[in-house]
Amino acid sequence: MKKSRIVQCPKCLPKEGIQIPELSLAEKRKILESIKVSPLQAILMLCEKYSLSHLEAKYMVLHIHTVCGFCVGCSFDQLEGEYVHCPKCKSLNLNWKL
């Protein structure tokens, strides 16, 4: 079984966060490209490939910005780190440098 991490956004439900799989660089690229084409398609792919629930997959997709460094909640443009909360609006960001 793949390792996983718990991520939590103070603005979203469930408040306790969700568990997401540790992903390789290639997997992150594939997810990001899928989001650019169709967020719904990305959700379905995450459900199928990683056995995530629809809620978990949607949670992930909604917290990935297609431009690294930008916040999904307020477009703050100086995010540092891969799994980070925005200092301006506090939204969780899966800020993948690809």
PDB file of N, CA and C in Angstrom:
ATOM      1  N   MET A   1       0.838  -1.181   0.000  1.00  0.00           N
ATOM      2  CA  MET A   1       0.000   0.000   0.000  1.00  0.00           C
ATOM      3  C   MET A   1       0.888   1.253   0.000  1.00  0.00           C
ATOM      4  N   LYS A   2       0.476   2.229  -0.774  1.00  0.00           N
ATOM      5  CA  LYS A   2       1.211   3.496  -0.857  1.00  0.00           C
ATOM      6  C   LYS A   2       1.075   4.298   0.422  1.00  0.00           C
ATOM      7  N   LYS A   3       2.114   5.048   0.731  1.00  0.00           N
ATOM      8  CA  LYS A   3       2.046   5.954   1.871  1.00  0.00           C
ATOM      9  C   LYS A   3       1.046   7.064   1.552  1.00  0.00           C
ATOM     10  N   SER A   4       0.560   7.688   2.592  1.00  0.00           N
ATOM     11  CA  SER A   4      -0.382   8.787   2.393  1.00  0.00           C
ATOM     12  C   SER A   4      -0.132   9.866   3.439  1.00  0.00           C
ATOM     13  N   ARG A   5      -0.785  10.995   3.222  1.00  0.00           N
ATOM     14  CA  ARG A   5      -0.690  12.113   4.169  1.00  0.00           C
ATOM     15  C   ARG A   5      -2.088  12.676   4.367  1.00  0.00           C
ATOM     16  N   ILE A   6      -2.289  13.290   5.511  1.00  0.00           N
ATOM     17  CA  ILE A   6      -3.558  13.961   5.777  1.00  0.00           C
ATOM     18  C   ILE A   6      -3.371  15.440   5.466  1.00  0.00           C
ATOM     19  N   VAL A   7      -4.268  15.978   4.660  1.00  0.00           N
ATOM     20  CA  VAL A   7      -4.266  17.408   4.360  1.00  0.00           C
ATOM     21  C   VAL A   7      -5.574  17.985   4.875  1.00  0.00           C
ATOM     22  N   GLN A   8      -5.511  19.229   5.296  1.00  0.00           N
ATOM     23  CA  GLN A   8      -6.664  19.848   5.939  1.00  0.00           C
ATOM     24  C   GLN A   8      -6.792  21.298   5.501  1.00  0.00           C
ATOM     25  N   CYS A   9      -8.005  21.673   5.106  1.00  0.00           N
ATOM     26  CA  CYS A   9      -8.292  23.063   4.760  1.00  0.00           C
ATOM     27  C   CYS A   9      -9.287  23.601   5.784  1.00  0.00           C
ATOM     28  N   PRO A  10      -8.953  24.694   6.456  1.00  0.00           N
ATOM     29  CA  PRO A  10      -9.862  25.231   7.474  1.00  0.00           C
ATOM     30  C   PRO A  10     -11.170  25.777   6.891  1.00  0.00           C
ATOM     31  N   LYS A  11     -11.231  25.945   5.578  1.00  0.00           N
ATOM     32  CA  LYS A  11     -12.427  26.505   4.949  1.00  0.00           C
ATOM     33  C   LYS A  11     -13.359  25.437   4.391  1.00  0.00           C
ATOM     34  N   CYS A  12     -12.927  24.161   4.419  1.00  0.00           N
ATOM     35  CA  CYS A  12     -13.683  23.090   3.761  1.00  0.00           C
ATOM     36  C   CYS A  12     -14.092  21.989   4.733  1.00  0.00           C
ATOM     37  N   LEU A  13     -15.076  21.239   4.322  1.00  0.00           N
ATOM     38  CA  LEU A  13     -15.480  20.032   5.032  1.00  0.00           C
ATOM     39  C   LEU A  13     -14.867  18.843   4.308  1.00  0.00           C
ATOM     40  N   PRO A  14     -14.510  17.788   4.966  1.00  0.00           N
ATOM     41  CA  PRO A  14     -14.577  17.597   6.411  1.00  0.00           C
ATOM     42  C   PRO A  14     -13.476  18.377   7.134  1.00  0.00           C
ATOM     43  N   LYS A  15     -13.813  18.892   8.287  1.00  0.00           N
ATOM     44  CA  LYS A  15     -12.881  19.727   9.052  1.00  0.00           C
ATOM     45  C   LYS A  15     -11.620  18.967   9.471  1.00  0.00           C
ATOM     46  N   GLU A  16     -11.738  17.642   9.622  1.00  0.00           N
ATOM     47  CA  GLU A  16     -10.567  16.857  10.017  1.00  0.00           C
ATOM     48  C   GLU A  16      -9.613  16.602   8.851  1.00  0.00           C
ATOM     49  N   GLY A  17     -10.004  17.020   7.651  1.00  0.00           N
ATOM     50  CA  GLY A  17      -9.157  16.858   6.477  1.00  0.00           C
ATOM     51  C   GLY A  17      -9.402  15.527   5.791  1.00  0.00           C
ATOM     52  N   ILE A  18      -8.570  15.258   4.804  1.00  0.00           N
ATOM     53  CA  ILE A  18      -8.678  13.993   4.073  1.00  0.00           C
ATOM     54  C   ILE A  18      -7.287  13.379   3.933  1.00  0.00           C
ATOM     55  N   GLN A  19      -7.276  12.086   3.704  1.00  0.00           N
ATOM     56  CA  GLN A  19      -6.034  11.372   3.488  1.00  0.00           C
ATOM     57  C   GLN A  19      -5.822  11.243   1.984  1.00  0.00           C
ATOM     58  N   ILE A  20      -4.663  11.694   1.512  1.00  0.00           N
ATOM     59  CA  ILE A  20      -4.361  11.583   0.094  1.00  0.00           C
ATOM     60  C   ILE A  20      -3.079  10.775  -0.090  1.00  0.00           C
ATOM     61  N   PRO A  21      -2.959  10.067  -1.211  1.00  0.00           N
ATOM     62  CA  PRO A  21      -1.757   9.254  -1.423  1.00  0.00           C
ATOM     63  C   PRO A  21      -0.535  10.112  -1.704  1.00  0.00           C
ATOM     64  N   GLU A  22       0.626   9.601  -1.320  1.00  0.00           N
ATOM     65  CA  GLU A  22       1.890  10.214  -1.722  1.00  0.00           C
ATOM     66  C   GLU A  22       2.026   9.948  -3.215  1.00  0.00           C
ATOM     67  N   LEU A  23       2.340  10.965  -3.986  1.00  0.00           N
ATOM     68  CA  LEU A  23       2.357  10.844  -5.437  1.00  0.00           C
ATOM     69  C   LEU A  23       3.748  11.120  -5.996  1.00  0.00           C
ATOM     70  N   SER A  24       4.089  10.387  -7.042  1.00  0.00           N
ATOM     71  CA  SER A  24       5.353  10.638  -7.730  1.00  0.00           C
ATOM     72  C   SER A  24       5.201  11.892  -8.581  1.00  0.00           C
ATOM     73  N   LEU A  25       6.317  12.398  -9.065  1.00  0.00           N
ATOM     74  CA  LEU A  25       6.297  13.563  -9.937  1.00  0.00           C
ATOM     75  C   LEU A  25       5.465  13.280 -11.193  1.00  0.00           C
ATOM     76  N   ALA A  26       5.621  12.104 -11.768  1.00  0.00           N
ATOM     77  CA  ALA A  26       4.861  11.733 -12.970  1.00  0.00           C
ATOM     78  C   ALA A  26       3.360  11.678 -12.682  1.00  0.00           C
ATOM     79  N   GLU A  27       2.988  11.160 -11.518  1.00  0.00           N
ATOM     80  CA  GLU A  27       1.571  11.091 -11.143  1.00  0.00           C
ATOM     81  C   GLU A  27       0.986  12.491 -10.961  1.00  0.00           C
ATOM     82  N   LYS A  28       1.749  13.375 -10.333  1.00  0.00           N
ATOM     83  CA  LYS A  28       1.291  14.751 -10.142  1.00  0.00           C
ATOM     84  C   LYS A  28       1.091  15.445 -11.487  1.00  0.00           C
ATOM     85  N   ARG A  29       2.030  15.214 -12.416  1.00  0.00           N
ATOM     86  CA  ARG A  29       1.902  15.807 -13.760  1.00  0.00           C
ATOM     87  C   ARG A  29       0.632  15.331 -14.448  1.00  0.00           C
ATOM     88  N   LYS A  30       0.376  14.033 -14.351  1.00  0.00           N
ATOM     89  CA  LYS A  30      -0.805  13.458 -15.000  1.00  0.00           C
ATOM     90  C   LYS A  30      -2.094  14.049 -14.407  1.00  0.00           C
ATOM     91  N   ILE A  31      -2.135  14.190 -13.099  1.00  0.00           N
ATOM     92  CA  ILE A  31      -3.314  14.769 -12.435  1.00  0.00           C
ATOM     93  C   ILE A  31      -3.488  16.224 -12.862  1.00  0.00           C
ATOM     94  N   LEU A  32      -2.413  16.984 -12.847  1.00  0.00           N
ATOM     95  CA  LEU A  32      -2.483  18.399 -13.227  1.00  0.00           C
ATOM     96  C   LEU A  32      -2.956  18.561 -14.674  1.00  0.00           C
ATOM     97  N   GLU A  33      -2.426  17.765 -15.576  1.00  0.00           N
ATOM     98  CA  GLU A  33      -2.855  17.831 -16.981  1.00  0.00           C
ATOM     99  C   GLU A  33      -4.329  17.465 -17.113  1.00  0.00           C
ATOM    100  N   SER A  34      -4.761  16.494 -16.354  1.00  0.00           N
ATOM    101  CA  SER A  34      -6.161  16.084 -16.379  1.00  0.00           C
ATOM    102  C   SER A  34      -7.071  17.210 -15.876  1.00  0.00           C
ATOM    103  N   ILE A  35      -6.643  17.921 -14.836  1.00  0.00           N
ATOM    104  CA  ILE A  35      -7.419  19.046 -14.307  1.00  0.00           C
ATOM    105  C   ILE A  35      -7.552  20.140 -15.365  1.00  0.00           C
ATOM    106  N   LYS A  36      -6.471  20.398 -16.093  1.00  0.00           N
ATOM    107  CA  LYS A  36      -6.504  21.436 -17.133  1.00  0.00           C
ATOM    108  C   LYS A  36      -7.515  21.096 -18.223  1.00  0.00           C
ATOM    109  N   VAL A  37      -7.644  19.817 -18.547  1.00  0.00           N
ATOM    110  CA  VAL A  37      -8.582  19.379 -19.583  1.00  0.00           C
ATOM    111  C   VAL A  37     -10.005  19.366 -19.037  1.00  0.00           C
ATOM    112  N   SER A  38     -10.184  18.724 -17.864  1.00  0.00           N
ATOM    113  CA  SER A  38     -11.509  18.609 -17.274  1.00  0.00           C
ATOM    114  C   SER A  38     -11.385  18.247 -15.792  1.00  0.00           C
ATOM    115  N   PRO A  39     -11.745  19.154 -14.902  1.00  0.00           N
ATOM    116  CA  PRO A  39     -11.694  18.825 -13.474  1.00  0.00           C
ATOM    117  C   PRO A  39     -12.521  17.579 -13.125  1.00  0.00           C
ATOM    118  N   LEU A  40     -13.664  17.419 -13.777  1.00  0.00           N
ATOM    119  CA  LEU A  40     -14.488  16.233 -13.511  1.00  0.00           C
ATOM    120  C   LEU A  40     -13.750  14.966 -13.922  1.00  0.00           C
ATOM    121  N   GLN A  41     -13.088  14.999 -15.055  1.00  0.00           N
ATOM    122  CA  GLN A  41     -12.310  13.848 -15.512  1.00  0.00           C
ATOM    123  C   GLN A  41     -11.195  13.541 -14.509  1.00  0.00           C
ATOM    124  N   ALA A  42     -10.571  14.561 -13.968  1.00  0.00           N
ATOM    125  CA  ALA A  42      -9.521  14.366 -12.966  1.00  0.00           C
ATOM    126  C   ALA A  42     -10.091  13.702 -11.710  1.00  0.00           C
ATOM    127  N   ILE A  43     -11.262  14.118 -11.292  1.00  0.00           N
ATOM    128  CA  ILE A  43     -11.914  13.517 -10.122  1.00  0.00           C
ATOM    129  C   ILE A  43     -12.173  12.040 -10.364  1.00  0.00           C
ATOM    130  N   LEU A  44     -12.724  11.724 -11.526  1.00  0.00           N
ATOM    131  CA  LEU A  44     -13.027  10.327 -11.850  1.00  0.00           C
ATOM    132  C   LEU A  44     -11.755   9.483 -11.918  1.00  0.00           C
ATOM    133  N   MET A  45     -10.677  10.041 -12.476  1.00  0.00           N
ATOM    134  CA  MET A  45      -9.409   9.330 -12.551  1.00  0.00           C
ATOM    135  C   MET A  45      -8.853   9.052 -11.156  1.00  0.00           C
ATOM    136  N   LEU A  46      -8.916  10.047 -10.269  1.00  0.00           N
ATOM    137  CA  LEU A  46      -8.429   9.860  -8.901  1.00  0.00           C
ATOM    138  C   LEU A  46      -9.234   8.783  -8.169  1.00  0.00           C
ATOM    139  N   CYS A  47     -10.526   8.769  -8.377  1.00  0.00           N
ATOM    140  CA  CYS A  47     -11.375   7.749  -7.749  1.00  0.00           C
ATOM    141  C   CYS A  47     -10.977   6.359  -8.229  1.00  0.00           C
ATOM    142  N   GLU A  48     -10.800   6.226  -9.527  1.00  0.00           N
ATOM    143  CA  GLU A  48     -10.491   4.921 -10.107  1.00  0.00           C
ATOM    144  C   GLU A  48      -9.068   4.458  -9.793  1.00  0.00           C
ATOM    145  N   LYS A  49      -8.090   5.313 -10.031  1.00  0.00           N
ATOM    146  CA  LYS A  49      -6.691   4.906  -9.908  1.00  0.00           C
ATOM    147  C   LYS A  49      -6.220   4.781  -8.461  1.00  0.00           C
ATOM    148  N   TYR A  50      -6.706   5.639  -7.583  1.00  0.00           N
ATOM    149  CA  TYR A  50      -6.217   5.665  -6.202  1.00  0.00           C
ATOM    150  C   TYR A  50      -7.263   5.233  -5.173  1.00  0.00           C
ATOM    151  N   SER A  51      -8.394   4.764  -5.650  1.00  0.00           N
ATOM    152  CA  SER A  51      -9.482   4.292  -4.772  1.00  0.00           C
ATOM    153  C   SER A  51      -9.929   5.350  -3.775  1.00  0.00           C
ATOM    154  N   LEU A  52      -9.932   6.606  -4.213  1.00  0.00           N
ATOM    155  CA  LEU A  52     -10.432   7.688  -3.371  1.00  0.00           C
ATOM    156  C   LEU A  52     -11.944   7.774  -3.511  1.00  0.00           C
ATOM    157  N   SER A  53     -12.594   8.258  -2.486  1.00  0.00           N
ATOM    158  CA  SER A  53     -14.026   8.525  -2.606  1.00  0.00           C
ATOM    159  C   SER A  53     -14.197   9.753  -3.501  1.00  0.00           C
ATOM    160  N   HIS A  54     -15.409   9.960  -3.982  1.00  0.00           N
ATOM    161  CA  HIS A  54     -15.673  11.136  -4.810  1.00  0.00           C
ATOM    162  C   HIS A  54     -15.353  12.413  -4.020  1.00  0.00           C
ATOM    163  N   LEU A  55     -15.717  12.449  -2.750  1.00  0.00           N
ATOM    164  CA  LEU A  55     -15.452  13.613  -1.900  1.00  0.00           C
ATOM    165  C   LEU A  55     -13.943  13.869  -1.780  1.00  0.00           C
ATOM    166  N   GLU A  56     -13.157  12.820  -1.534  1.00  0.00           N
ATOM    167  CA  GLU A  56     -11.710  12.988  -1.396  1.00  0.00           C
ATOM    168  C   GLU A  56     -11.077  13.487  -2.697  1.00  0.00           C
ATOM    169  N   ALA A  57     -11.497  12.912  -3.807  1.00  0.00           N
ATOM    170  CA  ALA A  57     -10.953  13.305  -5.107  1.00  0.00           C
ATOM    171  C   ALA A  57     -11.328  14.747  -5.437  1.00  0.00           C
ATOM    172  N   LYS A  58     -12.571  15.117  -5.177  1.00  0.00           N
ATOM    173  CA  LYS A  58     -13.008  16.491  -5.437  1.00  0.00           C
ATOM    174  C   LYS A  58     -12.241  17.471  -4.551  1.00  0.00           C
ATOM    175  N   TYR A  59     -12.049  17.123  -3.297  1.00  0.00           N
ATOM    176  CA  TYR A  59     -11.291  17.935  -2.345  1.00  0.00           C
ATOM    177  C   TYR A  59      -9.897  18.193  -2.900  1.00  0.00           C
ATOM    178  N   MET A  60      -9.241  17.125  -3.386  1.00  0.00           N
ATOM    179  CA  MET A  60      -7.903  17.279  -3.963  1.00  0.00           C
ATOM    180  C   MET A  60      -7.918  18.216  -5.152  1.00  0.00           C
ATOM    181  N   VAL A  61      -8.804  17.968  -6.098  1.00  0.00           N
ATOM    182  CA  VAL A  61      -8.860  18.752  -7.336  1.00  0.00           C
ATOM    183  C   VAL A  61      -9.134  20.226  -7.049  1.00  0.00           C
ATOM    184  N   LEU A  62     -10.004  20.501  -6.107  1.00  0.00           N
ATOM    185  CA  LEU A  62     -10.338  21.886  -5.786  1.00  0.00           C
ATOM    186  C   LEU A  62      -9.195  22.643  -5.102  1.00  0.00           C
ATOM    187  N   HIS A  63      -8.200  21.929  -4.619  1.00  0.00           N
ATOM    188  CA  HIS A  63      -7.083  22.567  -3.924  1.00  0.00           C
ATOM    189  C   HIS A  63      -5.785  22.574  -4.739  1.00  0.00           C
ATOM    190  N   ILE A  64      -5.877  22.183  -6.001  1.00  0.00           N
ATOM    191  CA  ILE A  64      -4.709  22.211  -6.888  1.00  0.00           C
ATOM    192  C   ILE A  64      -4.876  23.355  -7.876  1.00  0.00           C
ATOM    193  N   HIS A  65      -3.995  24.334  -7.815  1.00  0.00           N
ATOM    194  CA  HIS A  65      -4.014  25.433  -8.790  1.00  0.00           C
ATOM    195  C   HIS A  65      -3.170  24.997  -9.974  1.00  0.00           C
ATOM    196  N   THR A  66      -3.588  25.316 -11.172  1.00  0.00           N
ATOM    197  CA  THR A  66      -2.841  24.903 -12.360  1.00  0.00           C
ATOM    198  C   THR A  66      -1.570  25.723 -12.568  1.00  0.00           C
ATOM    199  N   VAL A  67      -1.403  26.798 -11.802  1.00  0.00           N
ATOM    200  CA  VAL A  67      -0.176  27.600 -11.861  1.00  0.00           C
ATOM    201  C   VAL A  67       0.479  27.550 -10.484  1.00  0.00           C
ATOM    202  N   CYS A  68       1.666  26.988 -10.426  1.00  0.00           N
ATOM    203  CA  CYS A  68       2.380  26.838  -9.164  1.00  0.00           C
ATOM    204  C   CYS A  68       2.633  28.208  -8.528  1.00  0.00           C
ATOM    205  N   GLY A  69       2.396  28.271  -7.221  1.00  0.00           N
ATOM    206  CA  GLY A  69       2.657  29.502  -6.490  1.00  0.00           C
ATOM    207  C   GLY A  69       1.431  30.368  -6.273  1.00  0.00           C
ATOM    208  N   PHE A  70       0.339  30.060  -6.978  1.00  0.00           N
ATOM    209  CA  PHE A  70      -0.892  30.846  -6.848  1.00  0.00           C
ATOM    210  C   PHE A  70      -1.888  30.127  -5.949  1.00  0.00           C
ATOM    211  N   CYS A  71      -2.591  30.867  -5.122  1.00  0.00           N
ATOM    212  CA  CYS A  71      -3.597  30.327  -4.217  1.00  0.00           C
ATOM    213  C   CYS A  71      -4.890  30.004  -4.975  1.00  0.00           C
ATOM    214  N   VAL A  72      -5.518  28.888  -4.606  1.00  0.00           N
ATOM    215  CA  VAL A  72      -6.791  28.508  -5.219  1.00  0.00           C
ATOM    216  C   VAL A  72      -7.945  29.359  -4.700  1.00  0.00           C
ATOM    217  N   GLY A  73      -7.768  29.996  -3.548  1.00  0.00           N
ATOM    218  CA  GLY A  73      -8.852  30.770  -2.947  1.00  0.00           C
ATOM    219  C   GLY A  73      -8.845  32.247  -3.282  1.00  0.00           C
ATOM    220  N   CYS A  74      -7.638  32.831  -3.373  1.00  0.00           N
ATOM    221  CA  CYS A  74      -7.584  34.288  -3.550  1.00  0.00           C
ATOM    222  C   CYS A  74      -6.561  34.727  -4.602  1.00  0.00           C
ATOM    223  N   SER A  75      -5.894  33.801  -5.231  1.00  0.00           N
ATOM    224  CA  SER A  75      -4.866  34.070  -6.242  1.00  0.00           C
ATOM    225  C   SER A  75      -3.638  34.813  -5.703  1.00  0.00           C
ATOM    226  N   PHE A  76      -3.418  34.741  -4.385  1.00  0.00           N
ATOM    227  CA  PHE A  76      -2.139  35.192  -3.816  1.00  0.00           C
ATOM    228  C   PHE A  76      -1.049  34.480  -4.615  1.00  0.00           C
ATOM    229  N   ASP A  77      -0.003  35.189  -5.016  1.00  0.00           N
ATOM    230  CA  ASP A  77       0.933  34.617  -5.977  1.00  0.00           C
ATOM    231  C   ASP A  77       2.345  34.345  -5.457  1.00  0.00           C
ATOM    232  N   GLN A  78       2.494  34.160  -4.163  1.00  0.00           N
ATOM    233  CA  GLN A  78       3.833  33.913  -3.620  1.00  0.00           C
ATOM    234  C   GLN A  78       3.855  32.722  -2.666  1.00  0.00           C
ATOM    235  N   LEU A  79       3.119  31.675  -2.983  1.00  0.00           N
ATOM    236  CA  LEU A  79       3.095  30.498  -2.126  1.00  0.00           C
ATOM    237  C   LEU A  79       4.411  29.743  -2.215  1.00  0.00           C
ATOM    238  N   GLU A  80       4.884  29.282  -1.087  1.00  0.00           N
ATOM    239  CA  GLU A  80       6.106  28.487  -0.997  1.00  0.00           C
ATOM    240  C   GLU A  80       5.739  27.156  -0.358  1.00  0.00           C
ATOM    241  N   GLY A  81       6.296  26.089  -0.848  1.00  0.00           N
ATOM    242  CA  GLY A  81       6.037  24.759  -0.292  1.00  0.00           C
ATOM    243  C   GLY A  81       5.021  24.005  -1.120  1.00  0.00           C
ATOM    244  N   GLU A  82       4.967  22.696  -0.891  1.00  0.00           N
ATOM    245  CA  GLU A  82       4.124  21.827  -1.707  1.00  0.00           C
ATOM    246  C   GLU A  82       2.697  21.683  -1.167  1.00  0.00           C
ATOM    247  N   TYR A  83       2.550  21.542   0.126  1.00  0.00           N
ATOM    248  CA  TYR A  83       1.230  21.450   0.768  1.00  0.00           C
ATOM    249  C   TYR A  83       1.193  22.604   1.762  1.00  0.00           C
ATOM    250  N   VAL A  84       0.541  23.691   1.381  1.00  0.00           N
ATOM    251  CA  VAL A  84       0.682  24.940   2.127  1.00  0.00           C
ATOM    252  C   VAL A  84      -0.659  25.658   2.262  1.00  0.00           C
ATOM    253  N   HIS A  85      -0.806  26.373   3.371  1.00  0.00           N
ATOM    254  CA  HIS A  85      -1.972  27.228   3.575  1.00  0.00           C
ATOM    255  C   HIS A  85      -1.608  28.653   3.167  1.00  0.00           C
ATOM    256  N   CYS A  86      -2.503  29.295   2.464  1.00  0.00           N
ATOM    257  CA  CYS A  86      -2.268  30.665   2.011  1.00  0.00           C
ATOM    258  C   CYS A  86      -2.197  31.606   3.213  1.00  0.00           C
ATOM    259  N   PRO A  87      -1.181  32.454   3.269  1.00  0.00           N
ATOM    260  CA  PRO A  87      -1.087  33.393   4.387  1.00  0.00           C
ATOM    261  C   PRO A  87      -2.169  34.474   4.340  1.00  0.00           C
ATOM    262  N   LYS A  88      -2.769  34.682   3.179  1.00  0.00           N
ATOM    263  CA  LYS A  88      -3.784  35.723   3.029  1.00  0.00           C
ATOM    264  C   LYS A  88      -5.189  35.215   3.366  1.00  0.00           C
ATOM    265  N   CYS A  89      -5.602  34.090   2.739  1.00  0.00           N
ATOM    266  CA  CYS A  89      -6.987  33.616   2.931  1.00  0.00           C
ATOM    267  C   CYS A  89      -7.086  32.300   3.702  1.00  0.00           C
ATOM    268  N   LYS A  90      -5.958  31.659   3.989  1.00  0.00           N
ATOM    269  CA  LYS A  90      -5.856  30.419   4.777  1.00  0.00           C
ATOM    270  C   LYS A  90      -6.276  29.158   4.028  1.00  0.00           C
ATOM    271  N   SER A  91      -6.597  29.241   2.730  1.00  0.00           N
ATOM    272  CA  SER A  91      -6.976  28.051   1.961  1.00  0.00           C
ATOM    273  C   SER A  91      -5.799  27.096   1.815  1.00  0.00           C
ATOM    274  N   LEU A  92      -6.118  25.797   1.821  1.00  0.00           N
ATOM    275  CA  LEU A  92      -5.116  24.781   1.540  1.00  0.00           C
ATOM    276  C   LEU A  92      -4.782  24.809   0.062  1.00  0.00           C
ATOM    277  N   ASN A  93      -3.506  24.668  -0.260  1.00  0.00           N
ATOM    278  CA  ASN A  93      -3.057  24.604  -1.650  1.00  0.00           C
ATOM    279  C   ASN A  93      -2.114  23.433  -1.831  1.00  0.00           C
ATOM    280  N   LEU A  94      -2.411  22.605  -2.829  1.00  0.00           N
ATOM    281  CA  LEU A  94      -1.482  21.564  -3.245  1.00  0.00           C
ATOM    282  C   LEU A  94      -0.663  22.219  -4.341  1.00  0.00           C
ATOM    283  N   ASN A  95       0.418  22.811  -3.936  1.00  0.00           N
ATOM    284  CA  ASN A  95       1.238  23.702  -4.757  1.00  0.00           C
ATOM    285  C   ASN A  95       2.398  22.911  -5.365  1.00  0.00           C
ATOM    286  N   TRP A  96       2.103  22.162  -6.417  1.00  0.00           N
ATOM    287  CA  TRP A  96       3.095  21.269  -6.996  1.00  0.00           C
ATOM    288  C   TRP A  96       3.967  21.974  -8.006  1.00  0.00           C
ATOM    289  N   LYS A  97       5.279  21.971  -7.778  1.00  0.00           N
ATOM    290  CA  LYS A  97       6.238  22.544  -8.742  1.00  0.00           C
ATOM    291  C   LYS A  97       6.563  21.473  -9.764  1.00  0.00           C
ATOM    292  N   LEU A  98       5.983  21.624 -10.928  1.00  0.00           N
ATOM    293  CA  LEU A  98       6.210  20.631 -11.986  1.00  0.00           C
ATOM    294  C   LEU A  98       6.872  21.333 -13.111  1.00  0.00           C
TER     295      LEU A  98
END
